[in-house]
C-alpha atoms as a PDB file:
ATOM      1  CA  MET A   1     130.341  74.233  91.621  1.00  0.00           C
ATOM      2  CA  SER A   2     131.287  77.798  90.609  1.00  0.00           C
ATOM      3  CA  GLN A   3     131.921  80.292  93.484  1.00  0.00           C
ATOM      4  CA  THR A   4     130.258  83.090  91.607  1.00  0.00           C
ATOM      5  CA  MET A   5     126.638  83.564  90.417  1.00  0.00           C
ATOM      6  CA  LYS A   6     124.817  85.747  87.832  1.00  0.00           C
ATOM      7  CA  VAL A   7     122.748  88.610  89.335  1.00  0.00           C
ATOM      8  CA  ALA A   8     120.433  91.069  87.646  1.00  0.00           C
ATOM      9  CA  ILE A   9     121.058  94.387  89.213  1.00  0.00           C
ATOM     10  CA  MET A  10     119.427  97.781  88.696  1.00  0.00           C
ATOM     11  CA  ASN A  11     122.273 100.256  88.497  1.00  0.00           C
ATOM     12  CA  THR A  12     119.963 102.766  86.673  1.00  0.00           C
ATOM     13  CA  VAL A  13     116.313 103.077  86.973  1.00  0.00           C
ATOM     14  CA  GLY A  14     114.625 101.166  84.148  1.00  0.00           C
ATOM     15  CA  LYS A  15     117.644  99.074  83.235  1.00  0.00           C
ATOM     16  CA  LEU A  16     118.815  95.674  84.518  1.00  0.00           C
ATOM     17  CA  ASP A  17     122.385  94.613  84.024  1.00  0.00           C
ATOM     18  CA  PHE A  18     123.872  91.214  84.602  1.00  0.00           C
ATOM     19  CA  GLU A  19     126.895  90.979  86.850  1.00  0.00           C
ATOM     20  CA  GLN A  20     128.786  88.141  88.467  1.00  0.00           C
ATOM     21  CA  LYS A  21     128.818  88.243  92.184  1.00  0.00           C
ATOM     22  CA  PRO A  22     130.357  85.827  94.846  1.00  0.00           C
ATOM     23  CA  LEU A  23     128.066  83.119  96.077  1.00  0.00           C
ATOM     24  CA  PRO A  24     126.458  84.112  99.325  1.00  0.00           C
ATOM     25  CA  GLN A  25     127.956  82.837 102.584  1.00  0.00           C
ATOM     26  CA  VAL A  26     125.909  80.252 104.315  1.00  0.00           C
ATOM     27  CA  LYS A  27     125.557  80.911 107.958  1.00  0.00           C
ATOM     28  CA  ASP A  28     125.154  78.025 110.419  1.00  0.00           C
ATOM     29  CA  ASP A  29     121.265  78.375 110.609  1.00  0.00           C
ATOM     30  CA  ASP A  30     120.900  79.136 106.869  1.00  0.00           C
ATOM     31  CA  VAL A  31     120.479  77.164 103.704  1.00  0.00           C
ATOM     32  CA  LEU A  32     121.922  77.996 100.200  1.00  0.00           C
ATOM     33  CA  ILE A  33     119.084  77.912  97.666  1.00  0.00           C
ATOM     34  CA  LYS A  34     119.531  77.401  93.904  1.00  0.00           C
ATOM     35  CA  LEU A  35     116.599  79.520  92.566  1.00  0.00           C
ATOM     36  CA  ASP A  36     114.251  78.024  90.018  1.00  0.00           C
ATOM     37  CA  TYR A  37     111.662  80.680  89.813  1.00  0.00           C
ATOM     38  CA  VAL A  38     111.181  84.241  91.073  1.00  0.00           C
ATOM     39  CA  GLY A  39     107.828  86.197  90.441  1.00  0.00           C
ATOM     40  CA  ILE A  40     107.744  89.847  89.426  1.00  0.00           C
ATOM     41  CA  CYS A  41     105.793  91.753  91.990  1.00  0.00           C
ATOM     42  CA  GLY A  42     104.019  95.150  91.661  1.00  0.00           C
ATOM     43  CA  SER A  43     106.558  96.670  94.011  1.00  0.00           C
ATOM     44  CA  ASP A  44     109.402  95.444  91.668  1.00  0.00           C
ATOM     45  CA  MET A  45     107.636  97.080  88.696  1.00  0.00           C
ATOM     46  CA  HIS A  46     107.188 100.391  90.600  1.00  0.00           C
ATOM     47  CA  LEU A  47     110.824 100.563  91.701  1.00  0.00           C
ATOM     48  CA  PHE A  48     111.984  99.597  88.172  1.00  0.00           C
ATOM     49  CA  GLU A  49     109.736 102.147  86.452  1.00  0.00           C
ATOM     50  CA  ASN A  50     109.967 104.982  88.986  1.00  0.00           C
ATOM     51  CA  GLY A  51     112.921 104.491  91.236  1.00  0.00           C
ATOM     52  CA  PHE A  52     110.809 105.005  94.433  1.00  0.00           C
ATOM     53  CA  ILE A  53     107.940 103.772  96.467  1.00  0.00           C
ATOM     54  CA  GLY A  54     106.168 106.376  98.607  1.00  0.00           C
ATOM     55  CA  GLU A  55     108.980 108.273 100.292  1.00  0.00           C
ATOM     56  CA  LYS A  56     111.657 105.668  99.822  1.00  0.00           C
ATOM     57  CA  HIS A  57     113.900 106.336  96.864  1.00  0.00           C
ATOM     58  CA  VAL A  58     116.414 104.106  95.093  1.00  0.00           C
ATOM     59  CA  THR A  59     119.826 105.841  95.547  1.00  0.00           C
ATOM     60  CA  GLU A  60     122.210 102.838  95.152  1.00  0.00           C
ATOM     61  CA  PRO A  61     122.307  99.723  92.900  1.00  0.00           C
ATOM     62  CA  ILE A  62     119.597  97.371  93.898  1.00  0.00           C
ATOM     63  CA  VAL A  63     118.667  93.672  93.129  1.00  0.00           C
ATOM     64  CA  LEU A  64     114.888  93.398  92.786  1.00  0.00           C
ATOM     65  CA  GLY A  65     112.736  90.319  93.468  1.00  0.00           C
ATOM     66  CA  HIS A  66     111.230  88.784  96.547  1.00  0.00           C
ATOM     67  CA  GLU A  67     109.078  85.890  95.368  1.00  0.00           C
ATOM     68  CA  PRO A  68     111.505  82.966  95.281  1.00  0.00           C
ATOM     69  CA  GLY A  69     111.185  79.236  94.907  1.00  0.00           C
ATOM     70  CA  GLY A  70     113.993  76.782  94.456  1.00  0.00           C
ATOM     71  CA  ILE A  71     116.087  73.774  95.657  1.00  0.00           C
ATOM     72  CA  VAL A  72     118.364  73.542  98.624  1.00  0.00           C
ATOM     73  CA  GLU A  73     121.962  73.252  97.484  1.00  0.00           C
ATOM     74  CA  ALA A  74     123.738  73.344 100.845  1.00  0.00           C
ATOM     75  CA  VAL A  75     122.857  73.598 104.525  1.00  0.00           C
ATOM     76  CA  GLY A  76     124.502  75.309 107.515  1.00  0.00           C
ATOM     77  CA  LYS A  77     125.841  73.115 110.302  1.00  0.00           C
ATOM     78  CA  ASN A  78     122.842  73.618 112.637  1.00  0.00           C
ATOM     79  CA  VAL A  79     120.222  72.878 110.008  1.00  0.00           C
ATOM     80  CA  THR A  80     118.352  69.583 110.450  1.00  0.00           C
ATOM     81  CA  SER A  81     114.960  70.446 109.011  1.00  0.00           C
ATOM     82  CA  LEU A  82     116.200  70.490 105.343  1.00  0.00           C
ATOM     83  CA  LYS A  83     118.702  68.732 103.209  1.00  0.00           C
ATOM     84  CA  PRO A  84     120.270  69.303  99.811  1.00  0.00           C
ATOM     85  CA  GLY A  85     117.786  68.465  97.063  1.00  0.00           C
ATOM     86  CA  ASP A  86     114.681  69.674  99.078  1.00  0.00           C
ATOM     87  CA  ARG A  87     112.399  71.906  96.963  1.00  0.00           C
ATOM     88  CA  VAL A  88     111.300  74.943  99.033  1.00  0.00           C
ATOM     89  CA  ALA A  89     109.172  78.098  99.089  1.00  0.00           C
ATOM     90  CA  VAL A  90     111.029  80.941 100.662  1.00  0.00           C
ATOM     91  CA  GLU A  91     109.377  83.526 103.013  1.00  0.00           C
ATOM     92  CA  PRO A  92     111.449  86.615 102.094  1.00  0.00           C
ATOM     93  CA  GLY A  93     111.204  88.656 105.271  1.00  0.00           C
ATOM     94  CA  ILE A  94     113.623  88.024 108.104  1.00  0.00           C
ATOM     95  CA  PRO A  95     112.167  89.473 111.319  1.00  0.00           C
ATOM     96  CA  CYS A  96     114.298  90.243 114.420  1.00  0.00           C
ATOM     97  CA  TYR A  97     112.394  87.814 116.656  1.00  0.00           C
ATOM     98  CA  THR A  98     113.121  89.974 119.752  1.00  0.00           C
ATOM     99  CA  CYS A  99     110.773  93.015 119.448  1.00  0.00           C
ATOM    100  CA  ASP A 100     107.325  93.053 120.928  1.00  0.00           C
ATOM    101  CA  TYR A 101     105.667  92.540 117.534  1.00  0.00           C
ATOM    102  CA  CYS A 102     107.686  89.451 116.911  1.00  0.00           C
ATOM    103  CA  LYS A 103     107.177  88.059 120.424  1.00  0.00           C
ATOM    104  CA  SER A 104     103.395  88.459 120.068  1.00  0.00           C
ATOM    105  CA  GLY A 105     103.329  86.524 116.694  1.00  0.00           C
ATOM    106  CA  ARG A 106     102.788  89.698 114.576  1.00  0.00           C
ATOM    107  CA  TYR A 107     106.282  89.563 113.037  1.00  0.00           C
ATOM    108  CA  ASN A 108     105.035  91.126 109.767  1.00  0.00           C
ATOM    109  CA  LEU A 109     104.944  94.389 111.800  1.00  0.00           C
ATOM    110  CA  CYS A 110     108.633  94.018 112.933  1.00  0.00           C
ATOM    111  CA  PRO A 111     110.270  97.393 112.526  1.00  0.00           C
ATOM    112  CA  HIS A 112     113.690  95.598 112.016  1.00  0.00           C
ATOM    113  CA  VAL A 113     112.722  93.177 109.407  1.00  0.00           C
ATOM    114  CA  TYR A 114     115.076  92.383 106.577  1.00  0.00           C
ATOM    115  CA  PHE A 115     112.888  92.023 103.504  1.00  0.00           C
ATOM    116  CA  TYR A 116     114.367  91.357 100.081  1.00  0.00           C
ATOM    117  CA  ALA A 117     114.248  94.311  97.669  1.00  0.00           C
ATOM    118  CA  SER A 118     112.323  96.463 100.108  1.00  0.00           C
ATOM    119  CA  LEU A 119     114.127  99.632 100.687  1.00  0.00           C
ATOM    120  CA  PRO A 120     116.545 100.268 102.408  1.00  0.00           C
ATOM    121  CA  VAL A 121     117.316  96.579 101.713  1.00  0.00           C
ATOM    122  CA  LEU A 122     119.282  96.355  98.457  1.00  0.00           C
ATOM    123  CA  GLU A 123     119.567  92.592  98.238  1.00  0.00           C
ATOM    124  CA  GLY A 124     116.921  90.703  96.229  1.00  0.00           C
ATOM    125  CA  CYS A 125     116.152  87.445  94.538  1.00  0.00           C
ATOM    126  CA  PHE A 126     116.806  88.116  90.859  1.00  0.00           C
ATOM    127  CA  ALA A 127     120.004  86.050  91.317  1.00  0.00           C
ATOM    128  CA  GLU A 128     120.935  82.471  90.783  1.00  0.00           C
ATOM    129  CA  TYR A 129     121.342  81.786  94.549  1.00  0.00           C
ATOM    130  CA  ILE A 130     120.337  83.190  97.878  1.00  0.00           C
ATOM    131  CA  SER A 131     121.233  82.171 101.404  1.00  0.00           C
ATOM    132  CA  HIS A 132     118.345  82.245 103.738  1.00  0.00           C
ATOM    133  CA  PRO A 133     117.327  81.160 107.312  1.00  0.00           C
ATOM    134  CA  ALA A 134     116.179  77.540 107.185  1.00  0.00           C
ATOM    135  CA  ASN A 135     113.200  78.298 109.486  1.00  0.00           C
ATOM    136  CA  LEU A 136     111.799  80.619 106.720  1.00  0.00           C
ATOM    137  CA  CYS A 137     112.217  77.955 103.992  1.00  0.00           C
ATOM    138  CA  PHE A 138     109.304  75.600 103.629  1.00  0.00           C
ATOM    139  CA  LYS A 139     109.623  72.195 102.115  1.00  0.00           C
ATOM    140  CA  LEU A 140     107.186  71.602  99.188  1.00  0.00           C
ATOM    141  CA  PRO A 141     105.125  68.526  98.872  1.00  0.00           C
ATOM    142  CA  ASP A 142     105.872  66.184  95.936  1.00  0.00           C
ATOM    143  CA  ASN A 143     102.746  67.571  93.993  1.00  0.00           C
ATOM    144  CA  VAL A 144     103.713  71.232  94.478  1.00  0.00           C
ATOM    145  CA  SER A 145     106.256  72.642  91.914  1.00  0.00           C
ATOM    146  CA  THR A 146     108.964  75.286  92.645  1.00  0.00           C
ATOM    147  CA  LEU A 147     107.022  77.614  90.313  1.00  0.00           C
ATOM    148  CA  GLU A 148     104.109  77.371  92.768  1.00  0.00           C
ATOM    149  CA  GLY A 149     106.752  77.669  95.583  1.00  0.00           C
ATOM    150  CA  ALA A 150     107.640  81.178  94.140  1.00  0.00           C
ATOM    151  CA  LEU A 151     103.963  82.067  93.993  1.00  0.00           C
ATOM    152  CA  MET A 152     103.398  81.220  97.755  1.00  0.00           C
ATOM    153  CA  GLU A 153     104.596  84.783  98.504  1.00  0.00           C
ATOM    154  CA  PRO A 154     101.777  86.677  96.697  1.00  0.00           C
ATOM    155  CA  LEU A 155      99.313  84.003  97.752  1.00  0.00           C
ATOM    156  CA  ALA A 156     100.326  84.627 101.380  1.00  0.00           C
ATOM    157  CA  VAL A 157      99.289  88.359 100.867  1.00  0.00           C
ATOM    158  CA  GLY A 158      95.856  87.410  99.387  1.00  0.00           C
ATOM    159  CA  MET A 159      95.271  84.739 102.099  1.00  0.00           C
ATOM    160  CA  HIS A 160      96.226  87.155 104.824  1.00  0.00           C
ATOM    161  CA  ALA A 161      93.773  89.682 103.364  1.00  0.00           C
ATOM    162  CA  ALA A 162      91.031  87.040 103.402  1.00  0.00           C
ATOM    163  CA  LEU A 163      91.876  85.967 107.038  1.00  0.00           C
ATOM    164  CA  GLN A 164      92.126  89.571 108.220  1.00  0.00           C
ATOM    165  CA  SER A 165      88.630  90.294 107.027  1.00  0.00           C
ATOM    166  CA  GLY A 166      87.139  87.588 109.238  1.00  0.00           C
ATOM    167  CA  ALA A 167      85.082  86.442 106.265  1.00  0.00           C
ATOM    168  CA  GLN A 168      82.509  83.744 107.032  1.00  0.00           C
ATOM    169  CA  VAL A 169      81.211  80.841 105.084  1.00  0.00           C
ATOM    170  CA  GLY A 170      78.279  81.751 102.893  1.00  0.00           C
ATOM    171  CA  SER A 171      79.099  85.490 102.995  1.00  0.00           C
ATOM    172  CA  SER A 172      79.522  87.820  99.989  1.00  0.00           C
ATOM    173  CA  ALA A 173      82.577  89.850  98.864  1.00  0.00           C
ATOM    174  CA  VAL A 174      83.557  92.381  96.233  1.00  0.00           C
ATOM    175  CA  ILE A 175      87.094  92.578  95.120  1.00  0.00           C
ATOM    176  CA  LEU A 176      88.204  95.767  93.472  1.00  0.00           C
ATOM    177  CA  GLY A 177      91.173  94.907  91.136  1.00  0.00           C
ATOM    178  CA  ALA A 178      91.781  91.724  89.316  1.00  0.00           C
ATOM    179  CA  GLY A 179      95.542  91.734  89.257  1.00  0.00           C
ATOM    180  CA  ALA A 180      97.527  88.916  90.874  1.00  0.00           C
ATOM    181  CA  ILE A 181      96.705  89.952  94.481  1.00  0.00           C
ATOM    182  CA  GLY A 182      93.034  90.475  93.583  1.00  0.00           C
ATOM    183  CA  LEU A 183      92.840  87.043  92.008  1.00  0.00           C
ATOM    184  CA  LEU A 184      94.693  85.322  94.990  1.00  0.00           C
ATOM    185  CA  THR A 185      92.453  87.075  97.454  1.00  0.00           C
ATOM    186  CA  MET A 186      89.475  85.724  95.478  1.00  0.00           C
ATOM    187  CA  LEU A 187      90.881  82.238  95.414  1.00  0.00           C
ATOM    188  CA  SER A 188      91.580  82.376  99.153  1.00  0.00           C
ATOM    189  CA  LEU A 189      88.011  83.543  99.912  1.00  0.00           C
ATOM    190  CA  LYS A 190      86.644  80.718  97.776  1.00  0.00           C
ATOM    191  CA  SER A 191      88.690  78.179  99.607  1.00  0.00           C
ATOM    192  CA  MET A 192      87.214  79.555 102.874  1.00  0.00           C
ATOM    193  CA  GLY A 193      83.637  79.028 101.727  1.00  0.00           C
ATOM    194  CA  VAL A 194      82.708  82.607 100.750  1.00  0.00           C
ATOM    195  CA  SER A 195      79.770  81.858  98.430  1.00  0.00           C
ATOM    196  CA  THR A 196      79.419  84.999  96.319  1.00  0.00           C
ATOM    197  CA  ILE A 197      82.402  86.918  94.962  1.00  0.00           C
ATOM    198  CA  THR A 198      82.110  89.816  92.576  1.00  0.00           C
ATOM    199  CA  VAL A 199      85.393  91.114  90.921  1.00  0.00           C
ATOM    200  CA  VAL A 200      85.552  94.590  89.546  1.00  0.00           C
ATOM    201  CA  ASP A 201      88.238  95.832  87.082  1.00  0.00           C
ATOM    202  CA  LEU A 202      88.761  98.102  84.174  1.00  0.00           C
ATOM    203  CA  VAL A 203      90.451  95.423  81.960  1.00  0.00           C
ATOM    204  CA  GLN A 204      88.229  92.754  80.447  1.00  0.00           C
ATOM    205  CA  ASN A 205      91.132  90.306  80.052  1.00  0.00           C
ATOM    206  CA  ARG A 206      91.720  90.229  83.827  1.00  0.00           C
ATOM    207  CA  LEU A 207      87.981  89.821  84.465  1.00  0.00           C
ATOM    208  CA  ASP A 208      87.920  86.896  82.089  1.00  0.00           C
ATOM    209  CA  LYS A 209      90.679  85.342  84.228  1.00  0.00           C
ATOM    210  CA  ALA A 210      88.760  85.947  87.419  1.00  0.00           C
ATOM    211  CA  LYS A 211      85.670  84.247  85.838  1.00  0.00           C
ATOM    212  CA  GLU A 212      87.798  81.375  84.681  1.00  0.00           C
ATOM    213  CA  LEU A 213      89.104  80.940  88.257  1.00  0.00           C
ATOM    214  CA  GLY A 214      85.541  80.775  89.674  1.00  0.00           C
ATOM    215  CA  CYS A 215      84.270  84.173  90.863  1.00  0.00           C
ATOM    216  CA  THR A 216      80.519  84.506  90.775  1.00  0.00           C
ATOM    217  CA  HIS A 217      80.223  87.856  88.897  1.00  0.00           C
ATOM    218  CA  THR A 218      82.464  90.302  87.087  1.00  0.00           C
ATOM    219  CA  ILE A 219      81.916  94.011  86.443  1.00  0.00           C
ATOM    220  CA  ASN A 220      83.854  95.966  83.881  1.00  0.00           C
ATOM    221  CA  ALA A 221      84.036  99.438  85.538  1.00  0.00           C
ATOM    222  CA  SER A 222      85.105 100.973  82.179  1.00  0.00           C
ATOM    223  CA  GLU A 223      81.645 100.130  80.811  1.00  0.00           C
ATOM    224  CA  THR A 224      79.419  99.901  83.840  1.00  0.00           C
ATOM    225  CA  ASN A 225      78.852 101.986  87.062  1.00  0.00           C
ATOM    226  CA  ALA A 226      80.430  99.526  89.575  1.00  0.00           C
ATOM    227  CA  ILE A 227      78.390 100.843  92.538  1.00  0.00           C
ATOM    228  CA  GLU A 228      74.993 100.541  90.728  1.00  0.00           C
ATOM    229  CA  ALA A 229      76.011  97.069  89.418  1.00  0.00           C
ATOM    230  CA  VAL A 230      76.977  95.787  92.917  1.00  0.00           C
ATOM    231  CA  MET A 231      73.769  97.175  94.484  1.00  0.00           C
ATOM    232  CA  SER A 232      71.695  95.514  91.784  1.00  0.00           C
ATOM    233  CA  LEU A 233      73.468  92.164  92.503  1.00  0.00           C
ATOM    234  CA  THR A 234      73.047  92.449  96.311  1.00  0.00           C
ATOM    235  CA  GLY A 235      69.481  93.649  96.406  1.00  0.00           C
ATOM    236  CA  GLY A 236      70.558  97.157  97.300  1.00  0.00           C
ATOM    237  CA  GLU A 237      72.490  96.176 100.499  1.00  0.00           C
ATOM    238  CA  GLY A 238      76.067  95.883  99.337  1.00  0.00           C
ATOM    239  CA  ALA A 239      78.657  93.077 100.128  1.00  0.00           C
ATOM    240  CA  ASP A 240      79.622  91.841 103.561  1.00  0.00           C
ATOM    241  CA  TYR A 241      83.281  92.350 102.699  1.00  0.00           C
ATOM    242  CA  VAL A 242      84.993  94.714 100.187  1.00  0.00           C
ATOM    243  CA  PHE A 243      88.630  94.275  99.328  1.00  0.00           C
ATOM    244  CA  GLU A 244      90.532  97.049  97.714  1.00  0.00           C
ATOM    245  CA  THR A 245      93.553  95.442  95.915  1.00  0.00           C
ATOM    246  CA  ALA A 246      94.027  97.902  92.969  1.00  0.00           C
ATOM    247  CA  GLY A 247      95.677 100.644  94.968  1.00  0.00           C
ATOM    248  CA  SER A 248      93.466 103.229  93.164  1.00  0.00           C
ATOM    249  CA  GLU A 249      92.233 106.384  94.757  1.00  0.00           C
ATOM    250  CA  ALA A 250      88.963 106.109  92.814  1.00  0.00           C
ATOM    251  CA  THR A 251      88.169 102.569  94.037  1.00  0.00           C
ATOM    252  CA  ILE A 252      89.235 103.339  97.614  1.00  0.00           C
ATOM    253  CA  MET A 253      86.528 106.069  97.484  1.00  0.00           C
ATOM    254  CA  GLN A 254      84.018 103.700  96.266  1.00  0.00           C
ATOM    255  CA  THR A 255      84.508 101.044  99.129  1.00  0.00           C
ATOM    256  CA  ALA A 256      82.111 102.762 101.498  1.00  0.00           C
ATOM    257  CA  LYS A 257      79.333 102.717  98.826  1.00  0.00           C
ATOM    258  CA  LEU A 258      79.900  99.030  98.116  1.00  0.00           C
ATOM    259  CA  VAL A 259      79.932  97.516 101.635  1.00  0.00           C
ATOM    260  CA  LYS A 260      76.887  96.450 103.561  1.00  0.00           C
ATOM    261  CA  ARG A 261      75.846  98.123 106.811  1.00  0.00           C
ATOM    262  CA  GLY A 262      78.027  96.695 109.519  1.00  0.00           C
ATOM    263  CA  GLY A 263      80.293  95.144 106.934  1.00  0.00           C
ATOM    264  CA  THR A 264      84.103  95.302 106.574  1.00  0.00           C
ATOM    265  CA  ILE A 265      86.442  96.940 104.126  1.00  0.00           C
ATOM    266  CA  VAL A 266      89.938  95.548 103.674  1.00  0.00           C
ATOM    267  CA  LEU A 267      92.567  97.824 102.168  1.00  0.00           C
ATOM    268  CA  VAL A 268      95.352  95.791 100.373  1.00  0.00           C
ATOM    269  CA  GLY A 269      96.627  97.979  97.585  1.00  0.00           C
ATOM    270  CA  TYR A 270      99.022 100.973  97.884  1.00  0.00           C
ATOM    271  CA  THR A 271      98.288 104.204  96.005  1.00  0.00           C
ATOM    272  CA  SER A 272     101.042 105.787  94.062  1.00  0.00           C
ATOM    273  CA  SER A 273     100.918 108.948  96.119  1.00  0.00           C
ATOM    274  CA  GLY A 274     100.315 107.317  99.460  1.00  0.00           C
ATOM    275  CA  LYS A 275      97.123 109.145  99.854  1.00  0.00           C
ATOM    276  CA  ALA A 276      93.457 108.522  99.172  1.00  0.00           C
ATOM    277  CA  GLN A 277      90.065 109.811 100.226  1.00  0.00           C
ATOM    278  CA  MET A 278      87.240 107.827 101.800  1.00  0.00           C
ATOM    279  CA  HIS A 279      83.565 108.526 102.224  1.00  0.00           C
ATOM    280  CA  VAL A 280      83.886 108.772 106.030  1.00  0.00           C
ATOM    281  CA  ASN A 281      80.180 109.640 106.752  1.00  0.00           C
ATOM    282  CA  ASN A 282      79.066 106.572 105.086  1.00  0.00           C
ATOM    283  CA  ILE A 283      81.662 104.510 107.166  1.00  0.00           C
ATOM    284  CA  ILE A 284      80.452 106.110 110.361  1.00  0.00           C
ATOM    285  CA  ASP A 285      76.745 105.853 109.694  1.00  0.00           C
ATOM    286  CA  ASN A 286      76.953 102.232 108.802  1.00  0.00           C
ATOM    287  CA  GLU A 287      79.349 101.154 111.466  1.00  0.00           C
ATOM    288  CA  VAL A 288      81.772  99.811 108.895  1.00  0.00           C
ATOM    289  CA  THR A 289      85.004  97.982 110.053  1.00  0.00           C
ATOM    290  CA  ILE A 290      88.266  98.953 108.193  1.00  0.00           C
ATOM    291  CA  LYS A 291      91.020  96.376 108.178  1.00  0.00           C
ATOM    292  CA  THR A 292      94.387  96.813 106.542  1.00  0.00           C
ATOM    293  CA  VAL A 293      96.924  94.307 105.272  1.00  0.00           C
ATOM    294  CA  PHE A 294     100.786  94.430 105.557  1.00  0.00           C
ATOM    295  CA  ARG A 295     102.397  91.467 103.913  1.00  0.00           C
ATOM    296  CA  TYR A 296     101.459  88.352 106.002  1.00  0.00           C
ATOM    297  CA  ARG A 297     102.373  86.267 108.961  1.00  0.00           C
ATOM    298  CA  ASN A 298     102.177  82.600 109.870  1.00  0.00           C
ATOM    299  CA  ILE A 299     100.695  81.797 106.484  1.00  0.00           C
ATOM    300  CA  TYR A 300     103.081  79.767 104.398  1.00  0.00           C
ATOM    301  CA  PRO A 301     102.186  76.289 105.808  1.00  0.00           C
ATOM    302  CA  LYS A 302      98.486  77.091 105.285  1.00  0.00           C
ATOM    303  CA  ALA A 303      99.167  78.407 101.683  1.00  0.00           C
ATOM    304  CA  ILE A 304     101.227  75.328 100.782  1.00  0.00           C
ATOM    305  CA  GLU A 305      98.597  72.962 102.131  1.00  0.00           C
ATOM    306  CA  ALA A 306      95.822  74.741 100.219  1.00  0.00           C
ATOM    307  CA  VAL A 307      97.745  74.411  96.985  1.00  0.00           C
ATOM    308  CA  ALA A 308      98.747  70.743  97.620  1.00  0.00           C
ATOM    309  CA  SER A 309      95.178  69.829  98.401  1.00  0.00           C
ATOM    310  CA  GLY A 310      93.920  71.380  95.249  1.00  0.00           C
ATOM    311  CA  SER A 311      91.893  74.048  97.021  1.00  0.00           C
ATOM    312  CA  ILE A 312      93.794  76.819  95.181  1.00  0.00           C
ATOM    313  CA  PRO A 313      94.940  76.410  91.577  1.00  0.00           C
ATOM    314  CA  LEU A 314      97.912  78.566  92.019  1.00  0.00           C
ATOM    315  CA  LYS A 315      99.619  78.012  88.593  1.00  0.00           C
ATOM    316  CA  ALA A 316      96.579  79.336  86.841  1.00  0.00           C
ATOM    317  CA  ILE A 317      97.305  82.926  87.641  1.00  0.00           C
ATOM    318  CA  VAL A 318     100.641  82.846  85.579  1.00  0.00           C
ATOM    319  CA  SER A 319     100.373  84.433  82.257  1.00  0.00           C
ATOM    320  CA  ASP A 320     104.045  84.670  81.302  1.00  0.00           C
ATOM    321  CA  VAL A 321     107.344  82.841  82.096  1.00  0.00           C
ATOM    322  CA  PHE A 322     110.541  84.403  80.960  1.00  0.00           C
ATOM    323  CA  GLU A 323     114.108  83.012  81.066  1.00  0.00           C
ATOM    324  CA  PHE A 324     116.535  84.878  83.285  1.00  0.00           C
ATOM    325  CA  SER A 325     118.378  86.193  80.278  1.00  0.00           C
ATOM    326  CA  ARG A 326     115.246  88.074  79.224  1.00  0.00           C
ATOM    327  CA  ILE A 327     114.457  89.682  82.525  1.00  0.00           C
ATOM    328  CA  GLN A 328     114.711  93.228  81.075  1.00  0.00           C
ATOM    329  CA  GLU A 329     112.063  92.321  78.482  1.00  0.00           C
ATOM    330  CA  ALA A 330     109.922  90.674  81.176  1.00  0.00           C
ATOM    331  CA  MET A 331     109.877  93.721  83.326  1.00  0.00           C
ATOM    332  CA  GLU A 332     108.935  95.910  80.420  1.00  0.00           C
ATOM    333  CA  LYS A 333     106.147  93.631  79.355  1.00  0.00           C
ATOM    334  CA  ALA A 334     104.715  93.389  82.924  1.00  0.00           C
ATOM    335  CA  ILE A 335     104.637  97.199  83.171  1.00  0.00           C
ATOM    336  CA  GLN A 336     103.515  98.140  79.534  1.00  0.00           C
ATOM    337  CA  HIS A 337     100.979  95.321  78.989  1.00  0.00           C
ATOM    338  CA  LYS A 338      99.001  95.137  82.189  1.00  0.00           C
ATOM    339  CA  ASP A 339      95.895  94.526  80.007  1.00  0.00           C
ATOM    340  CA  LYS A 340      97.436  91.128  79.077  1.00  0.00           C
ATOM    341  CA  VAL A 341      99.758  90.142  81.894  1.00  0.00           C
ATOM    342  CA  THR A 342      98.214  88.748  85.098  1.00  0.00           C
ATOM    343  CA  LYS A 343     101.458  87.299  86.625  1.00  0.00           C
ATOM    344  CA  CYS A 344     104.958  87.318  85.159  1.00  0.00           C
ATOM    345  CA  VAL A 345     107.602  84.781  86.508  1.00  0.00           C
ATOM    346  CA  ILE A 346     111.301  84.585  85.827  1.00  0.00           C
ATOM    347  CA  ARG A 347     112.752  81.114  85.367  1.00  0.00           C
ATOM    348  CA  ILE A 348     116.257  81.501  86.871  1.00  0.00           C
ATOM    349  CA  HIS A 349     117.604  78.048  86.097  1.00  0.00           C
ATOM    350  CA  ASP A 350     116.429  75.760  83.306  1.00  0.00           C
END
């Protein structure tokens, strides 16, 4: 086995270069993972295209990617839960385990978390191998592929959004945005027994995918007034739950007009400016609950079981798979053709 690996590194914003780097050192509690697939996330695209997210700017070479699935190549001396050859999904954030948030189980709020390709962390998963704590690597059942293993990360976001909302069986939901997170939120809600789900987007191709995956209604907001359409579908009441996954200032403003009195708004998407306005009077008058989502916690086992059982057809969200050698092309397509791409994934090894 070679002691070096190929890494795609962003030395300049908008350009990925291949370099040879030493294989990562495997600590006693870690495993070395030969990566099969890594998904391209919206944050990867934003950093690639703009060089910043919010107030965090790229000032040094960075390896992007934080949606990995692969095969265990070697294990540290303390690891007994995994062995070479095991296929795994990798939870990419390493919390400190000692702060109050970690101790209370809300480790996604850990202020010391080491999360791949999330500034100031410059290490990412667009590489042939990573070394990662074994307790954050989850063995995949035989009927779940490493491609699906890579997609567990965005699924965990969608599932956390669905769980955060407190959605009940038989309730209604509106999802604003039919990108990957919107679709995965929709699939999570369906698996929880939410009976009526309306998906709103500006792009018909994405709405067609949402319909294919089983939503109840779609609304093309480029052709139809979304608020009027939702009110028509809900008898003028609005939906029990409204999920904003697009990160659009316009749709965040709409949420208060779409939600039922006493209902819940869940904010999932980031705006490019970090700011947005909301119709506060409506929210107050109707005693609307607002929930927010930051990544996920304690979700991976649930997500894997949902995929293994067939409750969530995870592979269906993938529109494009690119070989590692074509990662530059993949990033450019994911950014420039959002009307056609729902989820782009990089195949690291054949």
